[in-house]
Amino acid sequence: MASFAVSDTTNKILRNFAGVSNSILLVEGQVQKTVASGKSVLAIAELPEAWPKETGIYDLGMFLGTLSSFKQPGIEFDDDAMVISQGRSRVRYRYSDPSTILTAPNKSLKTDNPAVEFTLNEETLTRLKKQCSLLQLESVTFSVEDGKVLVRAADPKNPASHAFEHEVEDETITLHDEDYSESRTFKTEYLGMLMDGSYRVSLSDWPYGYFQHEAEPVSYFIVAQS
């Protein structure tokens, strides 16, 4: 097998995945998944290059740090380890047993026929994350009413808490169900797992929200709070 090179896009995605779960089972092919502890966040990406061999990685941060210690590393896949090398230097990075890794489910989740779609742009997402951190806000609610979408971050345990609000731009909202008037609340820590950038967000009667990155080949299913 020829030496495999991890592209900048794949490296960026895997670094984000490490923030969702620090262990991962990479499967053969382009489509990769990871799931957070508690299975409240499922991230899916289509890598620009196909991963050549099923690979269990228990500490994804350590693996990516090892890669970054080389300028232009190549990877060869032996039976029991990846050989990461450049020039006369190499590291044998052993595979982890898949049974030690929390793997993403194989079933497909619905994304078709959403009740509403809207854009959460990069500037707003960055501001939302910052304000949630500064004001120690634990949850974010997306409220849909009369074709409008309001994003509100607050502490649900304290009605008198600080709050951050953002009215989603009307031109980005597509209401597929005229009668849809609902709210979906997500833990701030889960939204914090989103890669920086702009997202097309889909909501419906699903128990989750679907967040699709508009520039990178990655998307997230985030379970809503009951």
C-alpha atoms as a PDB file:
ATOM      1  CA  MET A   1       0.000   0.000   0.000  1.00  0.00           C
ATOM      2  CA  ALA A   2       1.309   3.474  -0.908  1.00  0.00           C
ATOM      3  CA  SER A   3       2.038   5.969   1.846  1.00  0.00           C
ATOM      4  CA  PHE A   4      -1.126   7.842   2.904  1.00  0.00           C
ATOM      5  CA  ALA A   5      -1.160  11.604   3.512  1.00  0.00           C
ATOM      6  CA  VAL A   6      -3.709  13.365   5.729  1.00  0.00           C
ATOM      7  CA  SER A   7      -5.012  16.492   3.980  1.00  0.00           C
ATOM      8  CA  ASP A   8      -5.456  19.841   5.744  1.00  0.00           C
ATOM      9  CA  THR A   9      -9.247  19.415   5.578  1.00  0.00           C
ATOM     10  CA  THR A  10      -9.115  15.950   7.146  1.00  0.00           C
ATOM     11  CA  ASN A  11      -6.751  17.213   9.846  1.00  0.00           C
ATOM     12  CA  LYS A  12      -9.146  20.072  10.625  1.00  0.00           C
ATOM     13  CA  ILE A  13     -12.125  17.725  10.829  1.00  0.00           C
ATOM     14  CA  LEU A  14     -10.322  15.223  13.036  1.00  0.00           C
ATOM     15  CA  ARG A  15      -9.241  18.013  15.384  1.00  0.00           C
ATOM     16  CA  ASN A  16     -12.878  19.015  15.694  1.00  0.00           C
ATOM     17  CA  PHE A  17     -13.899  15.385  16.208  1.00  0.00           C
ATOM     18  CA  ALA A  18     -11.422  15.190  19.092  1.00  0.00           C
ATOM     19  CA  GLY A  19     -13.550  17.832  20.830  1.00  0.00           C
ATOM     20  CA  VAL A  20     -16.624  15.614  20.446  1.00  0.00           C
ATOM     21  CA  SER A  21     -14.924  12.397  21.583  1.00  0.00           C
ATOM     22  CA  ASN A  22     -11.224  11.797  22.033  1.00  0.00           C
ATOM     23  CA  SER A  23     -11.499   8.205  20.815  1.00  0.00           C
ATOM     24  CA  ILE A  24     -12.645   7.190  17.354  1.00  0.00           C
ATOM     25  CA  LEU A  25     -12.947   4.218  15.072  1.00  0.00           C
ATOM     26  CA  LEU A  26     -12.041   5.369  11.574  1.00  0.00           C
ATOM     27  CA  VAL A  27     -13.531   3.040   8.992  1.00  0.00           C
ATOM     28  CA  GLU A  28     -12.410   2.309   5.464  1.00  0.00           C
ATOM     29  CA  GLY A  29     -13.785   4.995   3.132  1.00  0.00           C
ATOM     30  CA  GLN A  30     -14.538   8.708   3.112  1.00  0.00           C
ATOM     31  CA  VAL A  31     -17.525   8.920   5.480  1.00  0.00           C
ATOM     32  CA  GLN A  32     -16.487   9.058   9.144  1.00  0.00           C
ATOM     33  CA  LYS A  33     -18.541   9.463  12.318  1.00  0.00           C
ATOM     34  CA  THR A  34     -17.972  10.157  15.967  1.00  0.00           C
ATOM     35  CA  VAL A  35     -20.336  10.378  18.918  1.00  0.00           C
ATOM     36  CA  ALA A  36     -20.069  12.201  22.224  1.00  0.00           C
ATOM     37  CA  SER A  37     -20.328  10.496  25.572  1.00  0.00           C
ATOM     38  CA  GLY A  38     -24.021  10.112  26.346  1.00  0.00           C
ATOM     39  CA  LYS A  39     -24.695  10.019  22.599  1.00  0.00           C
ATOM     40  CA  SER A  40     -26.069  13.576  22.632  1.00  0.00           C
ATOM     41  CA  VAL A  41     -23.944  14.713  19.674  1.00  0.00           C
ATOM     42  CA  LEU A  42     -23.297  12.763  16.476  1.00  0.00           C
ATOM     43  CA  ALA A  43     -20.818  14.276  14.012  1.00  0.00           C
ATOM     44  CA  ILE A  44     -20.522  13.034  10.428  1.00  0.00           C
ATOM     45  CA  ALA A  45     -17.954  14.074   7.837  1.00  0.00           C
ATOM     46  CA  GLU A  46     -17.049  13.113   4.295  1.00  0.00           C
ATOM     47  CA  LEU A  47     -13.281  13.323   4.070  1.00  0.00           C
ATOM     48  CA  PRO A  48     -11.705  14.466   0.778  1.00  0.00           C
ATOM     49  CA  GLU A  49      -9.625  11.276   0.711  1.00  0.00           C
ATOM     50  CA  ALA A  50     -10.752   7.754   1.566  1.00  0.00           C
ATOM     51  CA  TRP A  51      -9.293   6.371   4.797  1.00  0.00           C
ATOM     52  CA  PRO A  52      -7.539   3.167   3.703  1.00  0.00           C
ATOM     53  CA  LYS A  53      -8.040   0.829   6.692  1.00  0.00           C
ATOM     54  CA  GLU A  54     -10.240   0.459   9.763  1.00  0.00           C
ATOM     55  CA  THR A  55      -8.272   2.118  12.550  1.00  0.00           C
ATOM     56  CA  GLY A  56      -9.078   2.327  16.241  1.00  0.00           C
ATOM     57  CA  ILE A  57      -7.578   5.417  17.898  1.00  0.00           C
ATOM     58  CA  TYR A  58      -8.106   5.683  21.645  1.00  0.00           C
ATOM     59  CA  ASP A  59      -6.468   9.113  22.043  1.00  0.00           C
ATOM     60  CA  LEU A  60      -7.181  11.165  18.931  1.00  0.00           C
ATOM     61  CA  GLY A  61      -5.470  14.244  20.372  1.00  0.00           C
ATOM     62  CA  MET A  62      -2.253  12.275  20.887  1.00  0.00           C
ATOM     63  CA  PHE A  63      -2.432  10.884  17.342  1.00  0.00           C
ATOM     64  CA  LEU A  64      -2.932  14.349  15.819  1.00  0.00           C
ATOM     65  CA  GLY A  65      -0.124  15.737  17.969  1.00  0.00           C
ATOM     66  CA  THR A  66       2.135  12.987  16.669  1.00  0.00           C
ATOM     67  CA  LEU A  67       1.212  13.875  13.084  1.00  0.00           C
ATOM     68  CA  SER A  68       1.908  17.564  13.707  1.00  0.00           C
ATOM     69  CA  SER A  69       5.424  16.761  14.927  1.00  0.00           C
ATOM     70  CA  PHE A  70       6.288  16.026  11.272  1.00  0.00           C
ATOM     71  CA  LYS A  71       6.084  18.642   8.510  1.00  0.00           C
ATOM     72  CA  GLN A  72       4.856  16.320   5.761  1.00  0.00           C
ATOM     73  CA  PRO A  73       4.204  12.915   7.295  1.00  0.00           C
ATOM     74  CA  GLY A  74       3.201   9.822   5.388  1.00  0.00           C
ATOM     75  CA  ILE A  75       1.300   6.926   6.972  1.00  0.00           C
ATOM     76  CA  GLU A  76       1.628   3.235   6.213  1.00  0.00           C
ATOM     77  CA  PHE A  77      -0.865   0.791   7.719  1.00  0.00           C
ATOM     78  CA  ASP A  78       0.674  -2.385   9.135  1.00  0.00           C
ATOM     79  CA  ASP A  79      -1.334  -5.181  10.716  1.00  0.00           C
ATOM     80  CA  ASP A  80      -0.963  -3.832  14.254  1.00  0.00           C
ATOM     81  CA  ALA A  81       0.079  -0.190  13.881  1.00  0.00           C
ATOM     82  CA  MET A  82       0.303   2.888  11.710  1.00  0.00           C
ATOM     83  CA  VAL A  83       3.831   3.841  10.745  1.00  0.00           C
ATOM     84  CA  ILE A  84       4.053   7.642  10.615  1.00  0.00           C
ATOM     85  CA  SER A  85       7.236   8.764   8.935  1.00  0.00           C
ATOM     86  CA  GLN A  86       9.171  11.470   7.187  1.00  0.00           C
ATOM     87  CA  GLY A  87      12.674  11.028   5.901  1.00  0.00           C
ATOM     88  CA  ARG A  88      14.669   8.844   8.292  1.00  0.00           C
ATOM     89  CA  SER A  89      12.291   9.311  11.275  1.00  0.00           C
ATOM     90  CA  ARG A  90       9.216   7.257  12.076  1.00  0.00           C
ATOM     91  CA  VAL A  91       6.695   6.492  14.814  1.00  0.00           C
ATOM     92  CA  ARG A  92       4.833   3.208  15.243  1.00  0.00           C
ATOM     93  CA  TYR A  93       1.396   4.219  16.484  1.00  0.00           C
ATOM     94  CA  ARG A  94      -0.470   1.103  17.581  1.00  0.00           C
ATOM     95  CA  TYR A  95      -4.135   0.530  16.830  1.00  0.00           C
ATOM     96  CA  SER A  96      -6.579   0.438  19.728  1.00  0.00           C
ATOM     97  CA  ASP A  97      -9.064  -2.368  20.234  1.00  0.00           C
ATOM     98  CA  PRO A  98     -12.424  -1.226  18.784  1.00  0.00           C
ATOM     99  CA  SER A  99     -14.151  -2.609  21.898  1.00  0.00           C
ATOM    100  CA  THR A 100     -12.522   0.177  23.945  1.00  0.00           C
ATOM    101  CA  ILE A 101     -14.045   2.912  21.752  1.00  0.00           C
ATOM    102  CA  LEU A 102     -17.563   4.374  21.862  1.00  0.00           C
ATOM    103  CA  THR A 103     -18.605   4.065  18.211  1.00  0.00           C
ATOM    104  CA  ALA A 104     -21.289   5.970  16.342  1.00  0.00           C
ATOM    105  CA  PRO A 105     -24.522   4.136  15.498  1.00  0.00           C
ATOM    106  CA  ASN A 106     -24.958   2.741  11.985  1.00  0.00           C
ATOM    107  CA  LYS A 107     -28.581   3.820  11.660  1.00  0.00           C
ATOM    108  CA  SER A 108     -29.469   6.903   9.608  1.00  0.00           C
ATOM    109  CA  LEU A 109     -31.267   9.845  11.199  1.00  0.00           C
ATOM    110  CA  LYS A 110     -33.897  11.804   9.304  1.00  0.00           C
ATOM    111  CA  THR A 111     -32.943  15.129   7.733  1.00  0.00           C
ATOM    112  CA  ASP A 112     -35.551  15.350   4.983  1.00  0.00           C
ATOM    113  CA  ASN A 113     -38.809  17.302   5.263  1.00  0.00           C
ATOM    114  CA  PRO A 114     -37.745  19.702   8.024  1.00  0.00           C
ATOM    115  CA  ALA A 115     -40.388  22.052   9.398  1.00  0.00           C
ATOM    116  CA  VAL A 116     -38.004  25.005   9.267  1.00  0.00           C
ATOM    117  CA  GLU A 117     -34.514  25.771   7.993  1.00  0.00           C
ATOM    118  CA  PHE A 118     -32.422  28.835   8.732  1.00  0.00           C
ATOM    119  CA  THR A 119     -28.832  30.034   8.674  1.00  0.00           C
ATOM    120  CA  LEU A 120     -26.764  30.449  11.813  1.00  0.00           C
ATOM    121  CA  ASN A 121     -23.893  32.467  10.409  1.00  0.00           C
ATOM    122  CA  GLU A 122     -20.307  32.360  11.609  1.00  0.00           C
ATOM    123  CA  GLU A 123     -20.386  35.783  13.253  1.00  0.00           C
ATOM    124  CA  THR A 124     -23.504  34.914  15.254  1.00  0.00           C
ATOM    125  CA  LEU A 125     -22.216  31.471  16.274  1.00  0.00           C
ATOM    126  CA  THR A 126     -18.924  32.984  17.445  1.00  0.00           C
ATOM    127  CA  ARG A 127     -20.763  35.654  19.435  1.00  0.00           C
ATOM    128  CA  LEU A 128     -23.163  33.066  20.862  1.00  0.00           C
ATOM    129  CA  LYS A 129     -20.306  30.858  22.079  1.00  0.00           C
ATOM    130  CA  LYS A 130     -18.492  33.852  23.577  1.00  0.00           C
ATOM    131  CA  GLN A 131     -21.523  35.218  25.412  1.00  0.00           C
ATOM    132  CA  CYS A 132     -22.443  31.789  26.758  1.00  0.00           C
ATOM    133  CA  SER A 133     -18.927  31.506  28.172  1.00  0.00           C
ATOM    134  CA  LEU A 134     -18.796  35.040  29.591  1.00  0.00           C
ATOM    135  CA  LEU A 135     -22.296  34.939  31.106  1.00  0.00           C
ATOM    136  CA  GLN A 136     -22.102  31.258  32.092  1.00  0.00           C
ATOM    137  CA  LEU A 137     -25.283  30.405  30.162  1.00  0.00           C
ATOM    138  CA  GLU A 138     -26.022  26.698  30.138  1.00  0.00           C
ATOM    139  CA  SER A 139     -28.557  26.325  27.333  1.00  0.00           C
ATOM    140  CA  VAL A 140     -29.582  27.815  23.995  1.00  0.00           C
ATOM    141  CA  THR A 141     -33.170  27.834  22.733  1.00  0.00           C
ATOM    142  CA  PHE A 142     -34.251  28.227  19.108  1.00  0.00           C
ATOM    143  CA  SER A 143     -37.852  29.496  19.092  1.00  0.00           C
ATOM    144  CA  VAL A 144     -39.929  29.481  15.909  1.00  0.00           C
ATOM    145  CA  GLU A 145     -43.082  31.606  15.892  1.00  0.00           C
ATOM    146  CA  ASP A 146     -44.976  33.293  13.033  1.00  0.00           C
ATOM    147  CA  GLY A 147     -42.154  32.502  10.628  1.00  0.00           C
ATOM    148  CA  LYS A 148     -39.551  34.179  12.847  1.00  0.00           C
ATOM    149  CA  VAL A 149     -36.629  32.461  14.584  1.00  0.00           C
ATOM    150  CA  LEU A 150     -35.186  33.737  17.860  1.00  0.00           C
ATOM    151  CA  VAL A 151     -31.979  32.356  19.367  1.00  0.00           C
ATOM    152  CA  ARG A 152     -31.873  32.826  23.141  1.00  0.00           C
ATOM    153  CA  ALA A 153     -29.168  31.691  25.548  1.00  0.00           C
ATOM    154  CA  ALA A 154     -29.960  31.662  29.261  1.00  0.00           C
ATOM    155  CA  ASP A 155     -29.729  29.680  32.492  1.00  0.00           C
ATOM    156  CA  PRO A 156     -32.931  27.587  32.640  1.00  0.00           C
ATOM    157  CA  LYS A 157     -32.541  27.110  36.389  1.00  0.00           C
ATOM    158  CA  ASN A 158     -32.584  30.857  37.029  1.00  0.00           C
ATOM    159  CA  PRO A 159     -35.335  32.961  35.394  1.00  0.00           C
ATOM    160  CA  ALA A 160     -33.486  36.100  36.504  1.00  0.00           C
ATOM    161  CA  SER A 161     -30.225  35.110  34.818  1.00  0.00           C
ATOM    162  CA  HIS A 162     -28.397  37.078  32.175  1.00  0.00           C
ATOM    163  CA  ALA A 163     -29.491  36.244  28.626  1.00  0.00           C
ATOM    164  CA  PHE A 164     -28.235  36.642  25.085  1.00  0.00           C
ATOM    165  CA  GLU A 165     -30.671  36.934  22.175  1.00  0.00           C
ATOM    166  CA  HIS A 166     -30.323  37.035  18.408  1.00  0.00           C
ATOM    167  CA  GLU A 167     -33.061  37.415  15.805  1.00  0.00           C
ATOM    168  CA  VAL A 168     -32.249  35.259  12.784  1.00  0.00           C
ATOM    169  CA  GLU A 169     -32.248  37.177   9.518  1.00  0.00           C
ATOM    170  CA  ASP A 170     -35.623  36.726   7.789  1.00  0.00           C
ATOM    171  CA  GLU A 171     -34.105  36.149   4.365  1.00  0.00           C
ATOM    172  CA  THR A 172     -32.316  33.021   5.589  1.00  0.00           C
ATOM    173  CA  ILE A 173     -35.463  31.374   7.013  1.00  0.00           C
ATOM    174  CA  THR A 174     -37.404  28.777   5.031  1.00  0.00           C
ATOM    175  CA  LEU A 175     -40.609  27.692   6.754  1.00  0.00           C
ATOM    176  CA  HIS A 176     -41.800  24.420   5.217  1.00  0.00           C
ATOM    177  CA  ASP A 177     -44.633  23.926   7.722  1.00  0.00           C
ATOM    178  CA  GLU A 178     -46.688  27.096   8.106  1.00  0.00           C
ATOM    179  CA  ASP A 179     -48.194  25.790  11.368  1.00  0.00           C
ATOM    180  CA  TYR A 180     -44.846  25.022  12.979  1.00  0.00           C
ATOM    181  CA  SER A 181     -44.441  27.011  16.179  1.00  0.00           C
ATOM    182  CA  GLU A 182     -42.033  25.258  18.490  1.00  0.00           C
ATOM    183  CA  SER A 183     -38.907  25.715  20.583  1.00  0.00           C
ATOM    184  CA  ARG A 184     -35.881  23.465  20.753  1.00  0.00           C
ATOM    185  CA  THR A 185     -33.352  23.807  23.572  1.00  0.00           C
ATOM    186  CA  PHE A 186     -29.783  22.528  23.437  1.00  0.00           C
ATOM    187  CA  LYS A 187     -27.024  22.410  26.023  1.00  0.00           C
ATOM    188  CA  THR A 188     -24.421  25.091  25.420  1.00  0.00           C
ATOM    189  CA  GLU A 189     -21.615  22.545  25.747  1.00  0.00           C
ATOM    190  CA  TYR A 190     -23.008  20.593  22.791  1.00  0.00           C
ATOM    191  CA  LEU A 191     -23.248  23.656  20.541  1.00  0.00           C
ATOM    192  CA  GLY A 192     -19.674  24.390  21.592  1.00  0.00           C
ATOM    193  CA  MET A 193     -18.624  21.220  19.754  1.00  0.00           C
ATOM    194  CA  LEU A 194     -19.583  22.745  16.401  1.00  0.00           C
ATOM    195  CA  MET A 195     -16.660  23.587  14.143  1.00  0.00           C
ATOM    196  CA  ASP A 196     -16.355  27.336  13.597  1.00  0.00           C
ATOM    197  CA  GLY A 197     -18.259  28.569  10.553  1.00  0.00           C
ATOM    198  CA  SER A 198     -21.766  29.119   9.235  1.00  0.00           C
ATOM    199  CA  TYR A 199     -24.488  26.473   9.475  1.00  0.00           C
ATOM    200  CA  ARG A 200     -27.775  25.616   7.833  1.00  0.00           C
ATOM    201  CA  VAL A 201     -29.946  24.503  10.747  1.00  0.00           C
ATOM    202  CA  SER A 202     -32.962  22.212  10.318  1.00  0.00           C
ATOM    203  CA  LEU A 203     -35.639  21.644  12.975  1.00  0.00           C
ATOM    204  CA  SER A 204     -38.793  19.559  12.983  1.00  0.00           C
ATOM    205  CA  ASP A 205     -40.642  17.230  15.333  1.00  0.00           C
ATOM    206  CA  TRP A 206     -37.373  15.263  15.583  1.00  0.00           C
ATOM    207  CA  PRO A 207     -35.815  14.991  19.064  1.00  0.00           C
ATOM    208  CA  TYR A 208     -32.673  16.643  17.668  1.00  0.00           C
ATOM    209  CA  GLY A 209     -31.491  19.547  15.543  1.00  0.00           C
ATOM    210  CA  TYR A 210     -29.504  19.061  12.350  1.00  0.00           C
ATOM    211  CA  PHE A 211     -26.580  21.458  11.834  1.00  0.00           C
ATOM    212  CA  GLN A 212     -24.910  21.319   8.412  1.00  0.00           C
ATOM    213  CA  HIS A 213     -21.703  23.294   7.886  1.00  0.00           C
ATOM    214  CA  GLU A 214     -21.952  25.523   4.816  1.00  0.00           C
ATOM    215  CA  ALA A 215     -18.259  25.391   3.853  1.00  0.00           C
ATOM    216  CA  GLU A 216     -16.829  22.156   5.257  1.00  0.00           C
ATOM    217  CA  PRO A 217     -18.068  18.572   4.611  1.00  0.00           C
ATOM    218  CA  VAL A 218     -19.259  18.054   8.190  1.00  0.00           C
ATOM    219  CA  SER A 219     -22.623  18.003   9.943  1.00  0.00           C
ATOM    220  CA  TYR A 220     -23.960  17.371  13.437  1.00  0.00           C
ATOM    221  CA  PHE A 221     -27.055  15.905  15.026  1.00  0.00           C
ATOM    222  CA  ILE A 222     -27.535  17.449  18.475  1.00  0.00           C
ATOM    223  CA  VAL A 223     -30.142  16.029  20.843  1.00  0.00           C
ATOM    224  CA  ALA A 224     -32.565  18.603  22.245  1.00  0.00           C
ATOM    225  CA  GLN A 225     -33.295  18.820  25.958  1.00  0.00           C
ATOM    226  CA  SER A 226     -36.657  17.417  27.008  1.00  0.00           C
END
